[in-house]
């Protein structure tokens, strides 16, 4: 029996993705080779990566003047690669927690960083709004969903400068007006597939903004990867295969609108129980609550119940709800492949535990 998986990453994957990837690991399309063995430049693999790029554009409604890349290194490498390519003098960043902090740290190696909005004053329990975007920066960087703190922005900003977004943990969960972004990137392991492949959506005109007088290694240049179709070096073939299977599943399930509807349904159900249950509370302010990563902590004076609650959850085959080590408490990551039944199982567990404790 499949467990109720709420891991923050690697994520739960759809059954069709798991089944088809498992088959491909044994043999890819009657080729006599595993997807783990096949040449990335062969007629067996090239249609897969081409289909993944085309499906990415179709499902997310990406305009024609954008490139889709599948790279290595995770979003963490993009934290450095972005300023390496595009930060000439100064960049603006919105600080919403751990991953935004890491991106800011890397950017400071290449130029001046102006933090134009920050939620640190309330321990990153809200997403800043109404901030002014300066016109004299090379780009604005945001983290649209914060996996650890559980905050999310639900609008596509109008920016006078190139807007770059880390969408690692909310990509494909809601409709996005891609045309408002110069670049969108993220690790696949939150909503798209297994860890090991990074997606990049890059607008054509950004290639003209690469810092001309800075030597940039070939492996860290976006134009090099675009020219070679994400095959400047050997790509992670099995990860791209699984990502493609996920995109097929999203399309077959109704596309982004269906994912958006399910995200709301899952989040509304779980937040309603957190707010109702006398043992728990949600630390994130309403209006900023993530639909992908839902943290909840003990109400005052009940922290000693953690072990008992985790034991009950384990007995119900619920995994992945332990909060991040920097925050504590609990966190349920309700990515696209998380089912309504998964959330119902967690809600029932919380209700039954309350009855055990309160009588």
Protein backbone atom coordinates (compact mmCIF):
# COMPACT_ATOMS: atom_id res chain seq x y z
CA UNK A 1 0.00 0.00 0.00
CA UNK A 2 1.29 3.45 -0.94
CA UNK A 3 1.96 5.75 1.98
CA UNK A 4 0.54 9.24 2.36
CA UNK A 5 3.63 11.20 1.32
CA UNK A 6 4.05 14.84 2.39
CA UNK A 7 7.81 15.18 1.81
CA UNK A 8 9.05 18.68 1.01
CA UNK A 9 11.37 17.24 -1.64
CA UNK A 10 11.86 14.85 -3.24
CA UNK A 11 8.14 15.02 -3.82
CA UNK A 12 5.42 12.48 -4.24
CA UNK A 13 5.10 11.48 -7.91
CA UNK A 14 2.00 10.38 -9.79
CA UNK A 15 1.39 6.67 -10.28
CA UNK A 16 1.69 6.89 -14.10
CA UNK A 17 5.06 8.65 -13.73
CA UNK A 18 6.36 5.97 -11.37
CA UNK A 19 5.04 3.09 -13.44
CA UNK A 20 6.33 4.36 -16.78
CA UNK A 21 9.70 5.39 -15.40
CA UNK A 22 10.10 1.99 -13.75
CA UNK A 23 9.39 0.31 -17.08
CA UNK A 24 11.88 2.57 -18.87
CA UNK A 25 14.57 1.72 -16.33
CA UNK A 26 14.20 -1.92 -17.34
CA UNK A 27 13.85 -1.16 -21.04
CA UNK A 28 13.13 2.03 -22.98
CA UNK A 29 10.56 1.64 -25.75
CA UNK A 30 11.71 -1.82 -26.93
CA UNK A 31 15.18 -0.41 -27.57
CA UNK A 32 17.00 -3.18 -25.74
CA UNK A 33 18.45 -0.51 -23.44
CA UNK A 34 17.50 1.02 -20.13
CA UNK A 35 16.88 4.76 -19.90
CA UNK A 36 19.87 4.60 -17.53
CA UNK A 37 22.05 3.27 -20.35
CA UNK A 38 20.81 4.98 -23.49
CA UNK A 39 22.94 7.62 -25.23
CA UNK A 40 21.57 11.12 -24.71
CA UNK A 41 22.27 11.90 -28.37
CA UNK A 42 20.54 8.82 -29.73
CA UNK A 43 17.24 8.58 -31.61
CA UNK A 44 15.91 6.82 -28.51
CA UNK A 45 16.39 9.77 -26.14
CA UNK A 46 16.25 12.93 -28.25
CA UNK A 47 12.47 12.64 -28.84
CA UNK A 48 11.99 12.45 -25.06
CA UNK A 49 13.82 15.67 -24.21
CA UNK A 50 12.24 17.44 -27.18
CA UNK A 51 8.79 16.34 -26.05
CA UNK A 52 9.51 17.48 -22.50
CA UNK A 53 10.50 20.95 -23.72
CA UNK A 54 7.44 21.19 -25.96
CA UNK A 55 5.08 19.97 -23.21
CA UNK A 56 6.58 22.40 -20.71
CA UNK A 57 5.79 25.25 -23.09
CA UNK A 58 2.32 23.95 -23.85
CA UNK A 59 1.18 23.18 -20.31
CA UNK A 60 2.52 26.43 -18.83
CA UNK A 61 1.52 28.48 -21.91
CA UNK A 62 5.05 29.80 -22.44
CA UNK A 63 5.37 32.38 -25.25
CA UNK A 64 7.50 31.67 -28.31
CA UNK A 65 10.25 34.10 -27.31
CA UNK A 66 11.29 31.92 -24.35
CA UNK A 67 13.69 29.00 -24.10
CA UNK A 68 13.24 25.98 -21.82
CA UNK A 69 16.40 24.38 -20.44
CA UNK A 70 17.01 21.27 -18.35
CA UNK A 71 20.22 21.69 -16.36
CA UNK A 72 22.05 20.21 -13.38
CA UNK A 73 23.04 21.68 -10.04
CA UNK A 74 19.60 22.41 -8.65
CA UNK A 75 18.17 25.84 -7.93
CA UNK A 76 21.16 26.39 -5.65
CA UNK A 77 23.49 26.61 -8.65
CA UNK A 78 21.11 29.10 -10.26
CA UNK A 79 21.56 31.34 -7.21
CA UNK A 80 25.11 31.94 -8.47
CA UNK A 81 24.60 31.44 -12.20
CA UNK A 82 22.00 34.21 -12.43
CA UNK A 83 24.18 37.01 -11.02
CA UNK A 84 27.24 35.59 -12.79
CA UNK A 85 25.44 36.21 -16.09
CA UNK A 86 23.21 39.19 -15.38
CA UNK A 87 24.41 41.23 -12.38
CA UNK A 88 26.53 44.05 -13.77
CA UNK A 89 26.15 46.69 -11.06
CA UNK A 90 23.16 46.16 -8.75
CA UNK A 91 20.24 43.74 -8.34
CA UNK A 92 17.11 43.86 -6.20
CA UNK A 93 16.02 40.90 -4.07
CA UNK A 94 13.00 40.16 -1.90
CA UNK A 95 14.02 38.35 1.28
CA UNK A 96 11.37 35.87 2.35
CA UNK A 97 13.44 33.30 4.19
CA UNK A 98 16.05 30.60 3.88
CA UNK A 99 16.25 30.10 0.12
CA UNK A 100 15.98 33.80 -0.65
CA UNK A 101 18.82 34.34 1.86
CA UNK A 102 20.97 31.83 0.00
CA UNK A 103 20.26 33.52 -3.33
CA UNK A 104 21.16 36.91 -1.86
CA UNK A 105 24.42 35.56 -0.43
CA UNK A 106 25.52 34.25 -3.83
CA UNK A 107 24.53 37.45 -5.66
CA UNK A 108 26.70 39.56 -3.37
CA UNK A 109 29.75 37.83 -4.87
CA UNK A 110 29.11 39.56 -8.19
CA UNK A 111 27.74 43.01 -7.39
CA UNK A 112 25.64 45.13 -5.10
CA UNK A 113 22.41 43.66 -3.75
CA UNK A 114 19.52 45.83 -2.59
CA UNK A 115 16.97 43.99 -0.44
CA UNK A 116 13.83 45.94 -1.26
CA UNK A 117 11.45 43.95 0.94
CA UNK A 118 11.95 41.68 3.92
CA UNK A 119 9.67 39.61 6.16
CA UNK A 120 12.34 38.95 8.78
CA UNK A 121 10.62 41.24 11.29
CA UNK A 122 7.93 38.57 11.81
CA UNK A 123 10.18 35.53 11.35
CA UNK A 124 9.20 35.26 7.67
CA UNK A 125 5.59 34.39 8.47
CA UNK A 126 4.16 36.64 5.73
CA UNK A 127 4.95 37.58 2.13
CA UNK A 128 5.85 41.27 1.71
CA UNK A 129 3.47 43.27 -0.45
CA UNK A 130 3.36 46.77 -1.89
CA UNK A 131 7.12 47.17 -2.14
CA UNK A 132 8.60 49.64 -4.60
CA UNK A 133 10.74 48.19 -7.38
CA UNK A 134 13.73 50.42 -8.24
CA UNK A 135 14.34 51.21 -11.90
CA UNK A 136 18.14 51.30 -11.64
CA UNK A 137 18.79 47.59 -11.00
CA UNK A 138 19.77 44.88 -13.45
CA UNK A 139 16.94 42.61 -12.32
CA UNK A 140 14.52 41.81 -9.48
CA UNK A 141 14.66 38.37 -7.91
CA UNK A 142 11.83 36.80 -5.91
CA UNK A 143 11.16 33.40 -4.38
CA UNK A 144 7.51 32.86 -5.21
CA UNK A 145 6.92 30.07 -2.68
CA UNK A 146 8.94 29.46 0.43
CA UNK A 147 9.28 25.76 1.09
CA UNK A 148 10.52 26.07 4.67
CA UNK A 149 8.46 28.98 6.01
CA UNK A 150 5.30 28.22 4.06
CA UNK A 151 4.59 31.61 2.46
CA UNK A 152 3.57 32.21 -1.14
CA UNK A 153 2.84 35.09 -3.50
CA UNK A 154 -0.19 34.50 -5.71
CA UNK A 155 0.21 37.30 -8.24
CA UNK A 156 2.55 37.92 -11.16
CA UNK A 157 4.23 41.24 -10.44
CA UNK A 158 4.39 44.10 -12.91
CA UNK A 159 8.08 44.97 -12.86
CA UNK A 160 9.89 47.82 -14.66
CA UNK A 161 13.06 45.68 -14.62
CA UNK A 162 13.63 42.04 -15.61
CA UNK A 163 11.79 39.84 -13.11
CA UNK A 164 13.41 36.54 -12.13
CA UNK A 165 11.57 34.01 -9.96
CA UNK A 166 12.61 30.89 -8.12
CA UNK A 167 9.48 28.75 -8.54
CA UNK A 168 10.99 25.50 -7.32
CA UNK A 169 8.07 24.56 -5.11
CA UNK A 170 5.02 26.07 -6.83
CA UNK A 171 5.70 25.62 -10.55
CA UNK A 172 2.78 23.99 -12.39
CA UNK A 173 0.46 24.54 -9.42
CA UNK A 174 -1.30 27.66 -10.73
CA UNK A 175 -1.63 29.63 -13.97
CA UNK A 176 1.35 31.95 -14.45
CA UNK A 177 1.64 34.87 -16.85
CA UNK A 178 5.11 33.89 -18.05
CA UNK A 179 5.36 37.04 -20.18
CA UNK A 180 5.82 39.09 -16.99
CA UNK A 181 9.02 37.22 -16.14
CA UNK A 182 12.46 37.46 -17.70
CA UNK A 183 13.32 34.11 -16.15
CA UNK A 184 11.70 31.37 -14.08
CA UNK A 185 13.70 28.52 -12.63
CA UNK A 186 13.62 25.77 -10.03
CA UNK A 187 14.52 22.28 -8.98
CA UNK A 188 12.21 19.60 -10.36
CA UNK A 189 11.98 17.65 -7.10
CA UNK A 190 9.13 19.69 -5.63
CA UNK A 191 6.43 19.31 -8.25
CA UNK A 192 7.84 17.91 -11.47
CA UNK A 193 9.97 14.83 -10.89
CA UNK A 194 12.91 13.34 -9.02
CA UNK A 195 15.86 15.39 -7.78
CA UNK A 196 18.67 15.88 -10.26
CA UNK A 197 17.28 18.13 -12.98
CA UNK A 198 16.67 21.89 -12.91
CA UNK A 199 14.29 23.73 -15.22
CA UNK A 200 15.01 27.20 -16.60
CA UNK A 201 12.57 29.33 -18.58
CA UNK A 202 14.51 32.22 -20.12
CA UNK A 203 13.33 35.09 -22.31
CA UNK A 204 15.29 35.75 -25.50
CA UNK A 205 16.27 39.33 -24.71
CA UNK A 206 18.10 38.29 -21.53
CA UNK A 207 20.87 36.85 -23.68
CA UNK A 208 21.68 40.43 -24.68
CA UNK A 209 22.03 41.37 -21.00
CA UNK A 210 24.82 38.93 -20.16
CA UNK A 211 27.72 40.90 -18.65
CA UNK A 212 30.07 41.25 -21.61
CA UNK A 213 33.30 42.08 -19.79
CA UNK A 214 33.14 39.18 -17.31
CA UNK A 215 34.74 35.82 -18.16
CA UNK A 216 32.01 33.21 -17.59
CA UNK A 217 32.82 29.48 -17.79
CA UNK A 218 30.98 27.75 -20.64
CA UNK A 219 29.13 25.44 -18.25
CA UNK A 220 27.63 28.48 -16.52
CA UNK A 221 26.50 30.36 -19.64
CA UNK A 222 22.83 30.20 -20.59
CA UNK A 223 23.54 30.85 -24.27
CA UNK A 224 25.82 27.79 -24.41
CA UNK A 225 23.10 25.54 -23.00
CA UNK A 226 20.50 27.00 -25.34
CA UNK A 227 22.73 26.47 -28.37
CA UNK A 228 23.31 22.82 -27.41
CA UNK A 229 19.69 22.09 -26.52
CA UNK A 230 20.45 21.34 -22.85
CA UNK A 231 23.10 18.86 -24.00
CA UNK A 232 26.33 20.82 -23.55
CA UNK A 233 27.20 17.98 -21.18
CA UNK A 234 25.39 14.69 -20.61
CA UNK A 235 21.98 15.52 -19.14
CA UNK A 236 20.28 13.45 -16.40
CA UNK A 237 18.30 11.29 -18.82
CA UNK A 238 16.17 9.33 -16.37
CA UNK A 239 15.20 12.51 -14.50
CA UNK A 240 14.14 14.20 -17.72
CA UNK A 241 12.16 11.10 -18.66
CA UNK A 242 10.29 11.24 -15.32
CA UNK A 243 9.72 14.98 -15.72
CA UNK A 244 8.23 14.36 -19.15
CA UNK A 245 5.94 11.69 -17.69
CA UNK A 246 4.82 14.18 -15.04
CA UNK A 247 4.03 16.76 -17.72
CA UNK A 248 1.99 14.16 -19.62
CA UNK A 249 0.09 13.38 -16.42
CA UNK A 250 -0.60 17.07 -15.71
CA UNK A 251 -1.94 17.58 -19.24
CA UNK A 252 -4.08 14.43 -19.09
CA UNK A 253 -5.44 15.46 -15.67
CA UNK A 254 -6.78 18.78 -16.96
CA UNK A 255 -3.69 20.93 -17.09
CA UNK A 256 -2.75 23.89 -14.91
CA UNK A 257 -6.36 24.86 -14.16
CA UNK A 258 -7.00 21.43 -12.68
CA UNK A 259 -3.78 21.58 -10.64
CA UNK A 260 -4.80 25.02 -9.35
CA UNK A 261 -8.25 23.77 -8.33
CA UNK A 262 -6.80 20.76 -6.51
CA UNK A 263 -4.18 22.91 -4.79
CA UNK A 264 -6.94 25.09 -3.37
CA UNK A 265 -9.00 22.10 -2.30
CA UNK A 266 -6.12 20.41 -0.50
CA UNK A 267 -4.92 23.58 1.21
CA UNK A 268 -8.41 24.74 2.25
CA UNK A 269 -9.10 21.34 3.82
CA UNK A 270 -5.87 21.19 5.81
CA UNK A 271 -5.82 24.84 6.92
CA UNK A 272 -9.43 24.51 8.09
CA UNK A 273 -8.45 21.63 10.35
CA UNK A 274 -5.34 23.41 11.66
CA UNK A 275 -7.42 26.48 12.52
CA UNK A 276 -10.15 24.35 14.13
CA UNK A 277 -8.00 21.91 16.08
CA UNK A 278 -7.24 23.03 19.63
CA UNK A 279 -3.81 21.36 19.59
CA UNK A 280 -2.37 23.10 16.54
CA UNK A 281 -1.99 26.52 15.01
CA UNK A 282 -0.76 27.90 11.69
CA UNK A 283 2.21 30.26 12.09
CA UNK A 284 1.76 31.93 8.68
CA UNK A 285 -0.49 34.95 8.28
CA UNK A 286 -3.66 34.51 6.24
CA UNK A 287 -3.19 35.90 2.76
CA UNK A 288 0.37 34.57 2.60
CA UNK A 289 -0.30 30.91 3.38
CA UNK A 290 1.34 28.60 0.88
CA UNK A 291 -0.78 25.98 -0.81
CA UNK A 292 2.29 23.82 -1.45
CA UNK A 293 4.02 23.79 1.95
CA UNK A 294 1.74 23.99 4.97
CA UNK A 295 3.49 24.38 8.34
CA UNK A 296 1.67 23.90 11.62
CA UNK A 297 2.95 23.99 15.19
CA UNK A 298 1.66 23.12 18.61
CA UNK A 299 -0.64 25.42 20.48
CA UNK A 300 0.96 26.79 23.64
CA UNK A 301 2.03 24.18 26.14
CA UNK A 302 1.63 21.06 24.02
CA UNK A 303 5.13 20.65 22.53
CA UNK A 304 5.72 17.48 24.56
CA UNK A 305 3.14 15.66 22.44
CA UNK A 306 5.35 15.57 19.33
CA UNK A 307 6.56 11.98 19.71
CA UNK A 308 3.06 10.63 20.36
CA UNK A 309 1.60 12.44 17.36
CA UNK A 310 4.41 11.27 15.06
CA UNK A 311 3.84 7.68 16.23
CA UNK A 312 0.14 7.94 15.40
CA UNK A 313 0.92 9.43 11.99
CA UNK A 314 3.39 6.65 11.28
CA UNK A 315 0.79 4.03 12.19
CA UNK A 316 -1.55 5.67 9.65
CA UNK A 317 1.18 5.45 6.96
CA UNK A 318 1.65 9.23 6.95
CA UNK A 319 5.23 10.31 6.23
CA UNK A 320 7.14 13.54 5.63
CA UNK A 321 5.32 15.84 8.07
CA UNK A 322 8.21 16.67 10.37
CA UNK A 323 8.94 20.39 10.25
CA UNK A 324 12.19 21.74 8.89
CA UNK A 325 15.00 21.63 11.45
CA UNK A 326 15.26 25.45 11.42
CA UNK A 327 11.57 25.92 12.23
CA UNK A 328 10.34 22.84 14.10
CA UNK A 329 6.74 21.72 14.40
CA UNK A 330 5.22 20.06 11.37
CA UNK A 331 4.95 20.71 7.65
CA UNK A 332 2.79 19.00 5.05
CA UNK A 333 3.92 19.54 1.47
CA UNK A 334 0.86 19.17 -0.74
CA UNK A 335 2.36 19.18 -4.21
CA UNK A 336 0.47 18.30 -7.39
CA UNK A 337 0.63 14.51 -6.96
CA UNK A 338 -0.63 14.71 -3.37
CA UNK A 339 -4.19 13.42 -3.40
CA UNK A 340 -7.30 14.56 -1.58
CA UNK A 341 -7.28 11.18 0.18
CA UNK A 342 -3.76 11.90 1.44
CA UNK A 343 -4.95 15.14 3.01
CA UNK A 344 -8.06 13.49 4.43
CA UNK A 345 -5.85 10.89 6.09
CA UNK A 346 -3.78 13.62 7.76
CA UNK A 347 -6.86 15.59 8.83
CA UNK A 348 -8.43 12.47 10.34
CA UNK A 349 -5.17 11.73 12.16
CA UNK A 350 -5.16 15.24 13.66
CA UNK A 351 -8.80 14.94 14.70
CA UNK A 352 -8.30 11.52 16.30
CA UNK A 353 -5.23 12.73 18.15
CA UNK A 354 -7.15 15.68 19.55
CA UNK A 355 -9.81 13.26 20.83
CA UNK A 356 -7.13 11.12 22.48
CA UNK A 357 -5.60 14.08 24.27
CA UNK A 358 -8.69 16.11 25.10
CA UNK A 359 -11.04 13.17 25.65
